[in-house]
Amino acid sequence: MTSSSVTETPGYIPVAQWPNLEALAVGYGEHLMAESRKLTGTHLNLVFVDKTHITHDFLDDHTLEWEVQSTKKRDTAQYKAFEVRPNIFFIDFYKPHYEEQVSLVANLSTGQAIVGISGVHIKDSQKRTWTKFSDASIAGSDNATPFAPTADLIGKHILYRYTPRDAYEHIYHNQGTFTWHCLSGTEKGLADTEPCKMLKLDEKLYLLFWSEKIMPVESIVVVDLEKMRSTGRFFCWDPKPAKLVQMLFGSYATILAETDAAGIVGGREAHN
C-alpha cells in the first residue's frame, strides 16, 4: 500500500477546486416555468407583524413600484412573477439602491404572505450573504395566519433536474438541516449539509430556504410535490470574480425514497 492511498479521499473535492458561482449560473433558467402576467395593473398591500404597510403596484409586466407607507420611502424595481399554484405567487425583484434581493410568496386567496430579503455584509473579514424573513398578510385579510413550519419533507430523498445537464439530490434530515449533492453538471461531486427553513404553503407545496456555509449563497425555493417541480432563486456573492450573481431557476423533481429513521429509532426505544 502506498502512502498516497492512505491520505487520499476518493470523491472528495477540496473547496479550492470548486467552480465559481458565475459558471454555475449558466442555463439554470431552462426548466423555469413561464412568467405570469396576472399581477400587471394590480395593487398588493402587505401588512407586517409590526403593522408596517409596504405597497406594491405592478405597473406593467416587468416593473413594480414599492412604498413603505410610514416613511414614504419608495422606488421602482424590475420583477418576475410566477403563479406556482392558482392565486399563489412567487415574486422576485432586486432593489439596486439598497443592494437587496426580495423574494415574496403571496396567497391571494387566503391573504397569507412571507417576504425574504437577502443582502451582503462583511463577516470575519469576508463578504458573506444574509437573509431575513418577515411574515405578512395582505391588507383586508384579517384572519390570515403565517405559513407554518412543516415536517412533511423530513426523510424524503428528492432528485432535482435544473437543466438537462445539472442534477442534484436533496436529503431532508430535520426541519433545520438538509444535505445536497450534485450528481451531474458544473458542480458534479460537490456536496454539503446546510441549515434550512421549511414552511408549508399549501398541500404538497413548500417554501424551502437554505444558506450555504462554504459559498455565500442564499436560496429561496418553492417546491411543489404535486406538480413535481420547483421554482426559486439564488442570491450569491462570488468571491472569485468578486461580484453579485443572481439567478432564477426551475427544476423537475423526482422522489427517490422516503424514510422514517426517527420513527424506527423511537419504536426500538419503546420496546427496550
C-alpha atoms as a PDB file:
ATOM      1  CA  MET A   1       0.000   0.000   0.000  1.00  0.00           C
ATOM      2  CA  THR A   2       1.415   3.385  -0.989  1.00  0.00           C
ATOM      3  CA  SER A   3       1.374   6.351   1.346  1.00  0.00           C
ATOM      4  CA  SER A   4      -0.792   8.341  -1.097  1.00  0.00           C
ATOM      5  CA  SER A   5      -3.573   5.736  -0.966  1.00  0.00           C
ATOM      6  CA  VAL A   6      -3.769   6.206   2.799  1.00  0.00           C
ATOM      7  CA  THR A   7      -4.031  10.004   2.688  1.00  0.00           C
ATOM      8  CA  GLU A   8      -6.275  10.381  -0.369  1.00  0.00           C
ATOM      9  CA  THR A   9     -10.038  10.692  -0.008  1.00  0.00           C
ATOM     10  CA  PRO A  10     -11.574   9.479  -3.290  1.00  0.00           C
ATOM     11  CA  GLY A  11     -14.554  11.560  -4.402  1.00  0.00           C
ATOM     12  CA  TYR A  12     -13.828  14.487  -2.093  1.00  0.00           C
ATOM     13  CA  ILE A  13     -13.317  17.821  -3.879  1.00  0.00           C
ATOM     14  CA  PRO A  14     -11.398  20.472  -1.891  1.00  0.00           C
ATOM     15  CA  VAL A  15     -13.080  23.870  -1.657  1.00  0.00           C
ATOM     16  CA  ALA A  16     -10.209  25.459  -3.599  1.00  0.00           C
ATOM     17  CA  GLN A  17     -11.277  23.385  -6.621  1.00  0.00           C
ATOM     18  CA  TRP A  18     -14.969  24.362  -6.513  1.00  0.00           C
ATOM     19  CA  PRO A  19     -16.129  26.273  -9.628  1.00  0.00           C
ATOM     20  CA  ASN A  20     -17.104  29.905  -9.316  1.00  0.00           C
ATOM     21  CA  LEU A  21     -20.774  30.711  -8.974  1.00  0.00           C
ATOM     22  CA  GLU A  22     -20.904  32.641 -12.229  1.00  0.00           C
ATOM     23  CA  ALA A  23     -20.075  29.405 -14.072  1.00  0.00           C
ATOM     24  CA  LEU A  24     -22.838  27.646 -12.157  1.00  0.00           C
ATOM     25  CA  ALA A  25     -25.470  30.149 -13.318  1.00  0.00           C
ATOM     26  CA  VAL A  26     -25.285  29.162 -16.988  1.00  0.00           C
ATOM     27  CA  GLY A  27     -28.503  27.556 -18.207  1.00  0.00           C
ATOM     28  CA  TYR A  28     -30.352  27.417 -14.898  1.00  0.00           C
ATOM     29  CA  GLY A  29     -33.454  29.040 -16.372  1.00  0.00           C
ATOM     30  CA  GLU A  30     -34.050  26.211 -18.845  1.00  0.00           C
ATOM     31  CA  HIS A  31     -36.633  24.470 -16.637  1.00  0.00           C
ATOM     32  CA  LEU A  32     -38.121  27.661 -15.198  1.00  0.00           C
ATOM     33  CA  MET A  33     -41.904  27.865 -15.505  1.00  0.00           C
ATOM     34  CA  ALA A  34     -43.418  30.607 -17.659  1.00  0.00           C
ATOM     35  CA  GLU A  35     -43.756  34.014 -16.024  1.00  0.00           C
ATOM     36  CA  SER A  36     -47.219  35.163 -15.012  1.00  0.00           C
ATOM     37  CA  ARG A  37     -48.710  38.468 -16.210  1.00  0.00           C
ATOM     38  CA  LYS A  38     -51.723  38.261 -13.901  1.00  0.00           C
ATOM     39  CA  LEU A  39     -50.380  40.817 -11.441  1.00  0.00           C
ATOM     40  CA  THR A  40     -49.972  43.542 -14.073  1.00  0.00           C
ATOM     41  CA  GLY A  41     -52.050  46.559 -13.095  1.00  0.00           C
ATOM     42  CA  THR A  42     -52.781  45.244  -9.595  1.00  0.00           C
ATOM     43  CA  HIS A  43     -52.025  46.633  -6.126  1.00  0.00           C
ATOM     44  CA  LEU A  44     -50.621  44.484  -3.294  1.00  0.00           C
ATOM     45  CA  ASN A  45     -50.527  45.961   0.216  1.00  0.00           C
ATOM     46  CA  LEU A  46     -48.587  43.798   2.665  1.00  0.00           C
ATOM     47  CA  VAL A  47     -49.135  44.306   6.400  1.00  0.00           C
ATOM     48  CA  PHE A  48     -46.319  43.072   8.633  1.00  0.00           C
ATOM     49  CA  VAL A  49     -46.425  41.978  12.270  1.00  0.00           C
ATOM     50  CA  ASP A  50     -45.304  45.421  13.473  1.00  0.00           C
ATOM     51  CA  LYS A  51     -48.194  46.976  11.440  1.00  0.00           C
ATOM     52  CA  THR A  52     -45.826  48.344   8.783  1.00  0.00           C
ATOM     53  CA  HIS A  53     -47.529  48.571   5.390  1.00  0.00           C
ATOM     54  CA  ILE A  54     -45.495  48.093   2.214  1.00  0.00           C
ATOM     55  CA  THR A  55     -47.423  48.539  -1.007  1.00  0.00           C
ATOM     56  CA  HIS A  56     -46.509  47.049  -4.370  1.00  0.00           C
ATOM     57  CA  ASP A  57     -48.011  48.451  -7.555  1.00  0.00           C
ATOM     58  CA  PHE A  58     -47.361  46.270 -10.596  1.00  0.00           C
ATOM     59  CA  LEU A  59     -47.109  48.985 -13.236  1.00  0.00           C
ATOM     60  CA  ASP A  60     -46.580  46.627 -16.163  1.00  0.00           C
ATOM     61  CA  ASP A  61     -45.391  43.095 -16.898  1.00  0.00           C
ATOM     62  CA  HIS A  62     -41.891  43.772 -15.529  1.00  0.00           C
ATOM     63  CA  THR A  63     -41.923  46.939 -13.358  1.00  0.00           C
ATOM     64  CA  LEU A  64     -43.301  47.418  -9.870  1.00  0.00           C
ATOM     65  CA  GLU A  65     -43.268  50.360  -7.504  1.00  0.00           C
ATOM     66  CA  TRP A  66     -42.931  49.656  -3.786  1.00  0.00           C
ATOM     67  CA  GLU A  67     -43.537  52.102  -0.930  1.00  0.00           C
ATOM     68  CA  VAL A  68     -43.169  51.906   2.858  1.00  0.00           C
ATOM     69  CA  GLN A  69     -46.242  53.892   3.839  1.00  0.00           C
ATOM     70  CA  SER A  70     -44.990  55.061   7.241  1.00  0.00           C
ATOM     71  CA  THR A  71     -41.785  56.614   5.843  1.00  0.00           C
ATOM     72  CA  LYS A  72     -42.873  57.286   2.241  1.00  0.00           C
ATOM     73  CA  LYS A  73     -39.674  55.551   1.157  1.00  0.00           C
ATOM     74  CA  ARG A  74     -40.336  54.302  -2.356  1.00  0.00           C
ATOM     75  CA  ASP A  75     -38.638  53.078  -5.524  1.00  0.00           C
ATOM     76  CA  THR A  76     -39.222  51.023  -8.642  1.00  0.00           C
ATOM     77  CA  ALA A  77     -37.781  47.606  -9.466  1.00  0.00           C
ATOM     78  CA  GLN A  78     -37.813  45.068 -12.239  1.00  0.00           C
ATOM     79  CA  TYR A  79     -39.730  41.985 -11.103  1.00  0.00           C
ATOM     80  CA  LYS A  80     -40.623  38.494 -12.241  1.00  0.00           C
ATOM     81  CA  ALA A  81     -43.734  36.712 -11.005  1.00  0.00           C
ATOM     82  CA  PHE A  82     -44.646  33.034 -11.177  1.00  0.00           C
ATOM     83  CA  GLU A  83     -48.057  31.569 -10.352  1.00  0.00           C
ATOM     84  CA  VAL A  84     -46.872  28.369  -8.678  1.00  0.00           C
ATOM     85  CA  ARG A  85     -50.445  27.362  -7.834  1.00  0.00           C
ATOM     86  CA  PRO A  86     -53.731  29.128  -8.660  1.00  0.00           C
ATOM     87  CA  ASN A  87     -53.594  32.503  -6.838  1.00  0.00           C
ATOM     88  CA  ILE A  88     -50.276  31.657  -5.142  1.00  0.00           C
ATOM     89  CA  PHE A  89     -47.429  33.777  -6.499  1.00  0.00           C
ATOM     90  CA  PHE A  90     -43.653  33.707  -6.130  1.00  0.00           C
ATOM     91  CA  ILE A  91     -42.416  37.250  -6.854  1.00  0.00           C
ATOM     92  CA  ASP A  92     -38.741  38.188  -7.113  1.00  0.00           C
ATOM     93  CA  PHE A  93     -37.030  41.555  -7.610  1.00  0.00           C
ATOM     94  CA  TYR A  94     -33.760  43.357  -6.889  1.00  0.00           C
ATOM     95  CA  LYS A  95     -33.517  46.765  -5.171  1.00  0.00           C
ATOM     96  CA  PRO A  96     -30.325  48.240  -6.690  1.00  0.00           C
ATOM     97  CA  HIS A  97     -30.224  51.292  -4.410  1.00  0.00           C
ATOM     98  CA  TYR A  98     -30.262  49.002  -1.369  1.00  0.00           C
ATOM     99  CA  GLU A  99     -28.345  46.063  -2.898  1.00  0.00           C
ATOM    100  CA  GLU A 100     -31.062  43.693  -1.686  1.00  0.00           C
ATOM    101  CA  GLN A 101     -32.867  40.816  -3.362  1.00  0.00           C
ATOM    102  CA  VAL A 102     -36.532  40.464  -2.400  1.00  0.00           C
ATOM    103  CA  SER A 103     -38.480  37.232  -2.819  1.00  0.00           C
ATOM    104  CA  LEU A 104     -42.054  37.073  -1.625  1.00  0.00           C
ATOM    105  CA  VAL A 105     -44.774  34.468  -1.664  1.00  0.00           C
ATOM    106  CA  ALA A 106     -48.360  35.705  -1.564  1.00  0.00           C
ATOM    107  CA  ASN A 107     -51.524  33.637  -1.487  1.00  0.00           C
ATOM    108  CA  LEU A 108     -54.197  35.955  -2.863  1.00  0.00           C
ATOM    109  CA  SER A 109     -56.963  33.581  -1.753  1.00  0.00           C
ATOM    110  CA  THR A 110     -56.007  33.246   1.926  1.00  0.00           C
ATOM    111  CA  GLY A 111     -54.208  36.581   2.370  1.00  0.00           C
ATOM    112  CA  GLN A 112     -51.038  34.871   3.631  1.00  0.00           C
ATOM    113  CA  ALA A 113     -47.635  36.226   2.654  1.00  0.00           C
ATOM    114  CA  ILE A 114     -43.965  35.942   3.566  1.00  0.00           C
ATOM    115  CA  VAL A 115     -41.062  38.106   2.428  1.00  0.00           C
ATOM    116  CA  GLY A 116     -37.400  37.074   2.268  1.00  0.00           C
ATOM    117  CA  ILE A 117     -34.791  39.804   1.802  1.00  0.00           C
ATOM    118  CA  SER A 118     -31.160  38.909   1.048  1.00  0.00           C
ATOM    119  CA  GLY A 119     -28.079  41.111   1.020  1.00  0.00           C
ATOM    120  CA  VAL A 120     -24.315  41.109   1.537  1.00  0.00           C
ATOM    121  CA  HIS A 121     -22.256  42.144   4.572  1.00  0.00           C
ATOM    122  CA  ILE A 122     -18.746  41.708   5.985  1.00  0.00           C
ATOM    123  CA  LYS A 123     -18.335  38.803   8.396  1.00  0.00           C
ATOM    124  CA  ASP A 124     -14.978  37.563   9.676  1.00  0.00           C
ATOM    125  CA  SER A 125     -13.254  39.891   7.177  1.00  0.00           C
ATOM    126  CA  GLN A 126     -15.096  38.258   4.266  1.00  0.00           C
ATOM    127  CA  LYS A 127     -18.121  39.216   2.215  1.00  0.00           C
ATOM    128  CA  ARG A 128     -20.981  36.920   3.148  1.00  0.00           C
ATOM    129  CA  THR A 129     -24.649  36.811   2.275  1.00  0.00           C
ATOM    130  CA  TRP A 130     -27.581  37.074   4.684  1.00  0.00           C
ATOM    131  CA  THR A 131     -31.352  36.615   4.529  1.00  0.00           C
ATOM    132  CA  LYS A 132     -34.124  37.915   6.769  1.00  0.00           C
ATOM    133  CA  PHE A 133     -37.718  36.636   6.651  1.00  0.00           C
ATOM    134  CA  SER A 134     -40.819  38.562   7.700  1.00  0.00           C
ATOM    135  CA  ASP A 135     -44.367  37.250   7.930  1.00  0.00           C
ATOM    136  CA  ALA A 136     -47.056  39.437   6.449  1.00  0.00           C
ATOM    137  CA  SER A 137     -50.690  39.400   5.385  1.00  0.00           C
ATOM    138  CA  ILE A 138     -52.495  41.053   2.529  1.00  0.00           C
ATOM    139  CA  ALA A 139     -54.428  44.131   3.695  1.00  0.00           C
ATOM    140  CA  GLY A 140     -58.033  43.226   4.380  1.00  0.00           C
ATOM    141  CA  SER A 141     -57.245  39.606   5.248  1.00  0.00           C
ATOM    142  CA  ASP A 142     -57.787  39.880   8.976  1.00  0.00           C
ATOM    143  CA  ASN A 143     -57.808  36.130   9.615  1.00  0.00           C
ATOM    144  CA  ALA A 144     -54.641  35.304   7.676  1.00  0.00           C
ATOM    145  CA  THR A 145     -52.104  33.280   9.664  1.00  0.00           C
ATOM    146  CA  PRO A 146     -48.364  32.929   8.946  1.00  0.00           C
ATOM    147  CA  PHE A 147     -47.204  29.983   6.858  1.00  0.00           C
ATOM    148  CA  ALA A 148     -46.336  27.293   9.388  1.00  0.00           C
ATOM    149  CA  PRO A 149     -43.133  25.273   9.738  1.00  0.00           C
ATOM    150  CA  THR A 150     -43.538  21.736   8.446  1.00  0.00           C
ATOM    151  CA  ALA A 151     -42.072  18.288   8.963  1.00  0.00           C
ATOM    152  CA  ASP A 152     -43.519  16.973   5.675  1.00  0.00           C
ATOM    153  CA  LEU A 153     -40.152  16.925   3.888  1.00  0.00           C
ATOM    154  CA  ILE A 154     -38.235  15.113   6.620  1.00  0.00           C
ATOM    155  CA  GLY A 155     -36.967  11.735   5.412  1.00  0.00           C
ATOM    156  CA  LYS A 156     -37.541  12.495   1.740  1.00  0.00           C
ATOM    157  CA  HIS A 157     -34.772  11.896  -0.796  1.00  0.00           C
ATOM    158  CA  ILE A 158     -35.543  14.035  -3.860  1.00  0.00           C
ATOM    159  CA  LEU A 159     -33.795  14.429  -7.217  1.00  0.00           C
ATOM    160  CA  TYR A 160     -33.972  17.888  -8.838  1.00  0.00           C
ATOM    161  CA  ARG A 161     -33.075  18.364 -12.513  1.00  0.00           C
ATOM    162  CA  TYR A 162     -32.302  22.050 -13.017  1.00  0.00           C
ATOM    163  CA  THR A 163     -31.123  21.647 -16.603  1.00  0.00           C
ATOM    164  CA  PRO A 164     -30.616  18.638 -18.915  1.00  0.00           C
ATOM    165  CA  ARG A 165     -27.041  18.624 -17.554  1.00  0.00           C
ATOM    166  CA  ASP A 166     -27.368  19.690 -13.895  1.00  0.00           C
ATOM    167  CA  ALA A 167     -28.950  17.326 -11.370  1.00  0.00           C
ATOM    168  CA  TYR A 168     -28.862  17.404  -7.562  1.00  0.00           C
ATOM    169  CA  GLU A 169     -30.176  15.171  -4.828  1.00  0.00           C
ATOM    170  CA  HIS A 170     -31.529  16.510  -1.529  1.00  0.00           C
ATOM    171  CA  ILE A 171     -31.981  14.578   1.692  1.00  0.00           C
ATOM    172  CA  TYR A 172     -34.024  16.321   4.396  1.00  0.00           C
ATOM    173  CA  HIS A 173     -32.870  15.271   7.884  1.00  0.00           C
ATOM    174  CA  ASN A 174     -34.948  17.504  10.144  1.00  0.00           C
ATOM    175  CA  GLN A 175     -36.751  20.863   9.994  1.00  0.00           C
ATOM    176  CA  GLY A 176     -33.473  22.738  10.132  1.00  0.00           C
ATOM    177  CA  THR A 177     -30.970  20.583   8.224  1.00  0.00           C
ATOM    178  CA  PHE A 178     -30.623  19.014   4.779  1.00  0.00           C
ATOM    179  CA  THR A 179     -27.873  17.653   2.532  1.00  0.00           C
ATOM    180  CA  TRP A 180     -27.387  18.482  -1.153  1.00  0.00           C
ATOM    181  CA  HIS A 181     -25.175  16.578  -3.588  1.00  0.00           C
ATOM    182  CA  CYS A 182     -24.531  17.405  -7.249  1.00  0.00           C
ATOM    183  CA  LEU A 183     -24.861  14.268  -9.375  1.00  0.00           C
ATOM    184  CA  SER A 184     -24.076  15.848 -12.749  1.00  0.00           C
ATOM    185  CA  GLY A 185     -23.220  19.244 -14.179  1.00  0.00           C
ATOM    186  CA  THR A 186     -20.933  22.114 -13.221  1.00  0.00           C
ATOM    187  CA  GLU A 187     -20.726  21.139  -9.537  1.00  0.00           C
ATOM    188  CA  LYS A 188     -20.568  17.364 -10.061  1.00  0.00           C
ATOM    189  CA  GLY A 189     -19.263  15.647  -6.934  1.00  0.00           C
ATOM    190  CA  LEU A 190     -19.777  18.630  -4.614  1.00  0.00           C
ATOM    191  CA  ALA A 191     -21.898  18.100  -1.521  1.00  0.00           C
ATOM    192  CA  ASP A 192     -22.605  19.713   1.814  1.00  0.00           C
ATOM    193  CA  THR A 193     -25.055  19.783   4.692  1.00  0.00           C
ATOM    194  CA  GLU A 194     -26.726  23.149   5.320  1.00  0.00           C
ATOM    195  CA  PRO A 195     -29.076  24.842   7.778  1.00  0.00           C
ATOM    196  CA  CYS A 196     -32.501  25.352   6.234  1.00  0.00           C
ATOM    197  CA  LYS A 197     -36.079  26.520   6.789  1.00  0.00           C
ATOM    198  CA  MET A 198     -39.164  24.589   5.671  1.00  0.00           C
ATOM    199  CA  LEU A 199     -42.656  26.125   5.553  1.00  0.00           C
ATOM    200  CA  LYS A 200     -45.919  24.659   4.276  1.00  0.00           C
ATOM    201  CA  LEU A 201     -47.619  26.924   1.716  1.00  0.00           C
ATOM    202  CA  ASP A 202     -50.416  24.556   0.696  1.00  0.00           C
ATOM    203  CA  GLU A 203     -50.971  20.818   0.307  1.00  0.00           C
ATOM    204  CA  LYS A 204     -47.723  19.335  -1.080  1.00  0.00           C
ATOM    205  CA  LEU A 205     -46.418  22.897  -1.643  1.00  0.00           C
ATOM    206  CA  TYR A 206     -43.467  24.143   0.415  1.00  0.00           C
ATOM    207  CA  LEU A 207     -41.102  27.064   0.864  1.00  0.00           C
ATOM    208  CA  LEU A 208     -37.532  25.821   1.263  1.00  0.00           C
ATOM    209  CA  PHE A 209     -34.710  28.177   2.257  1.00  0.00           C
ATOM    210  CA  TRP A 210     -31.071  27.433   2.854  1.00  0.00           C
ATOM    211  CA  SER A 211     -27.921  29.439   3.432  1.00  0.00           C
ATOM    212  CA  GLU A 212     -24.696  27.756   2.352  1.00  0.00           C
ATOM    213  CA  LYS A 213     -21.748  27.595   4.745  1.00  0.00           C
ATOM    214  CA  ILE A 214     -18.899  27.413   2.233  1.00  0.00           C
ATOM    215  CA  MET A 215     -20.045  29.608  -0.659  1.00  0.00           C
ATOM    216  CA  PRO A 216     -22.003  32.806   0.090  1.00  0.00           C
ATOM    217  CA  VAL A 217     -25.338  31.648  -1.348  1.00  0.00           C
ATOM    218  CA  GLU A 218     -28.911  32.297  -0.208  1.00  0.00           C
ATOM    219  CA  SER A 219     -31.567  30.088  -1.809  1.00  0.00           C
ATOM    220  CA  ILE A 220     -35.347  30.547  -1.626  1.00  0.00           C
ATOM    221  CA  VAL A 221     -37.352  27.858  -3.428  1.00  0.00           C
ATOM    222  CA  VAL A 222     -40.994  26.898  -3.789  1.00  0.00           C
ATOM    223  CA  VAL A 223     -41.158  23.094  -4.011  1.00  0.00           C
ATOM    224  CA  ASP A 224     -44.332  21.606  -5.495  1.00  0.00           C
ATOM    225  CA  LEU A 225     -44.571  17.875  -4.834  1.00  0.00           C
ATOM    226  CA  GLU A 226     -47.918  17.681  -6.616  1.00  0.00           C
ATOM    227  CA  LYS A 227     -46.629  19.053  -9.928  1.00  0.00           C
ATOM    228  CA  MET A 228     -43.148  17.672  -9.114  1.00  0.00           C
ATOM    229  CA  ARG A 229     -41.184  20.820  -9.860  1.00  0.00           C
ATOM    230  CA  SER A 230     -39.533  23.727  -8.077  1.00  0.00           C
ATOM    231  CA  THR A 231     -39.286  27.471  -8.699  1.00  0.00           C
ATOM    232  CA  GLY A 232     -36.805  29.695  -6.921  1.00  0.00           C
ATOM    233  CA  ARG A 233     -33.740  31.885  -6.888  1.00  0.00           C
ATOM    234  CA  PHE A 234     -30.111  32.003  -5.812  1.00  0.00           C
ATOM    235  CA  PHE A 235     -28.583  35.211  -4.441  1.00  0.00           C
ATOM    236  CA  CYS A 236     -24.809  34.849  -4.268  1.00  0.00           C
ATOM    237  CA  TRP A 237     -21.612  36.718  -3.649  1.00  0.00           C
ATOM    238  CA  ASP A 238     -18.982  35.109  -5.864  1.00  0.00           C
ATOM    239  CA  PRO A 239     -15.582  35.694  -4.217  1.00  0.00           C
ATOM    240  CA  LYS A 240     -13.550  34.630  -7.257  1.00  0.00           C
ATOM    241  CA  PRO A 241     -14.690  37.376  -9.682  1.00  0.00           C
ATOM    242  CA  ALA A 242     -15.841  39.438  -6.633  1.00  0.00           C
ATOM    243  CA  LYS A 243     -19.342  40.165  -7.918  1.00  0.00           C
ATOM    244  CA  LEU A 244     -23.003  39.518  -7.207  1.00  0.00           C
ATOM    245  CA  VAL A 245     -24.601  36.593  -9.005  1.00  0.00           C
ATOM    246  CA  GLN A 246     -28.397  36.435  -9.094  1.00  0.00           C
ATOM    247  CA  MET A 247     -30.337  33.725 -10.872  1.00  0.00           C
ATOM    248  CA  LEU A 248     -33.820  32.355 -11.072  1.00  0.00           C
ATOM    249  CA  PHE A 249     -34.208  28.640 -11.635  1.00  0.00           C
ATOM    250  CA  GLY A 250     -36.723  25.880 -12.089  1.00  0.00           C
ATOM    251  CA  SER A 251     -36.428  22.134 -11.812  1.00  0.00           C
ATOM    252  CA  TYR A 252     -38.267  18.892 -12.349  1.00  0.00           C
ATOM    253  CA  ALA A 253     -38.420  16.748  -9.220  1.00  0.00           C
ATOM    254  CA  THR A 254     -38.447  13.023  -8.560  1.00  0.00           C
ATOM    255  CA  ILE A 255     -38.943  11.471  -5.125  1.00  0.00           C
ATOM    256  CA  LEU A 256     -36.310   8.735  -4.889  1.00  0.00           C
ATOM    257  CA  ALA A 257     -37.123   7.446  -1.407  1.00  0.00           C
ATOM    258  CA  GLU A 258     -38.940   8.226   1.818  1.00  0.00           C
ATOM    259  CA  THR A 259     -37.747   7.022   5.195  1.00  0.00           C
ATOM    260  CA  ASP A 260     -38.745   7.416   8.838  1.00  0.00           C
ATOM    261  CA  ALA A 261     -35.462   6.881  10.642  1.00  0.00           C
ATOM    262  CA  ALA A 262     -36.612   8.772  13.744  1.00  0.00           C
ATOM    263  CA  GLY A 263     -39.750   6.626  13.896  1.00  0.00           C
ATOM    264  CA  ILE A 264     -37.705   3.425  13.688  1.00  0.00           C
ATOM    265  CA  VAL A 265     -35.396   4.622  16.459  1.00  0.00           C
ATOM    266  CA  GLY A 266     -38.398   5.669  18.533  1.00  0.00           C
ATOM    267  CA  GLY A 267     -40.000   2.293  18.025  1.00  0.00           C
ATOM    268  CA  ARG A 268     -36.865   0.490  19.167  1.00  0.00           C
ATOM    269  CA  GLU A 269     -36.599   2.692  22.250  1.00  0.00           C
ATOM    270  CA  ALA A 270     -40.237   1.991  23.088  1.00  0.00           C
ATOM    271  CA  HIS A 271     -39.501  -1.760  23.106  1.00  0.00           C
ATOM    272  CA  ASN A 272     -36.347  -1.518  25.232  1.00  0.00           C
END
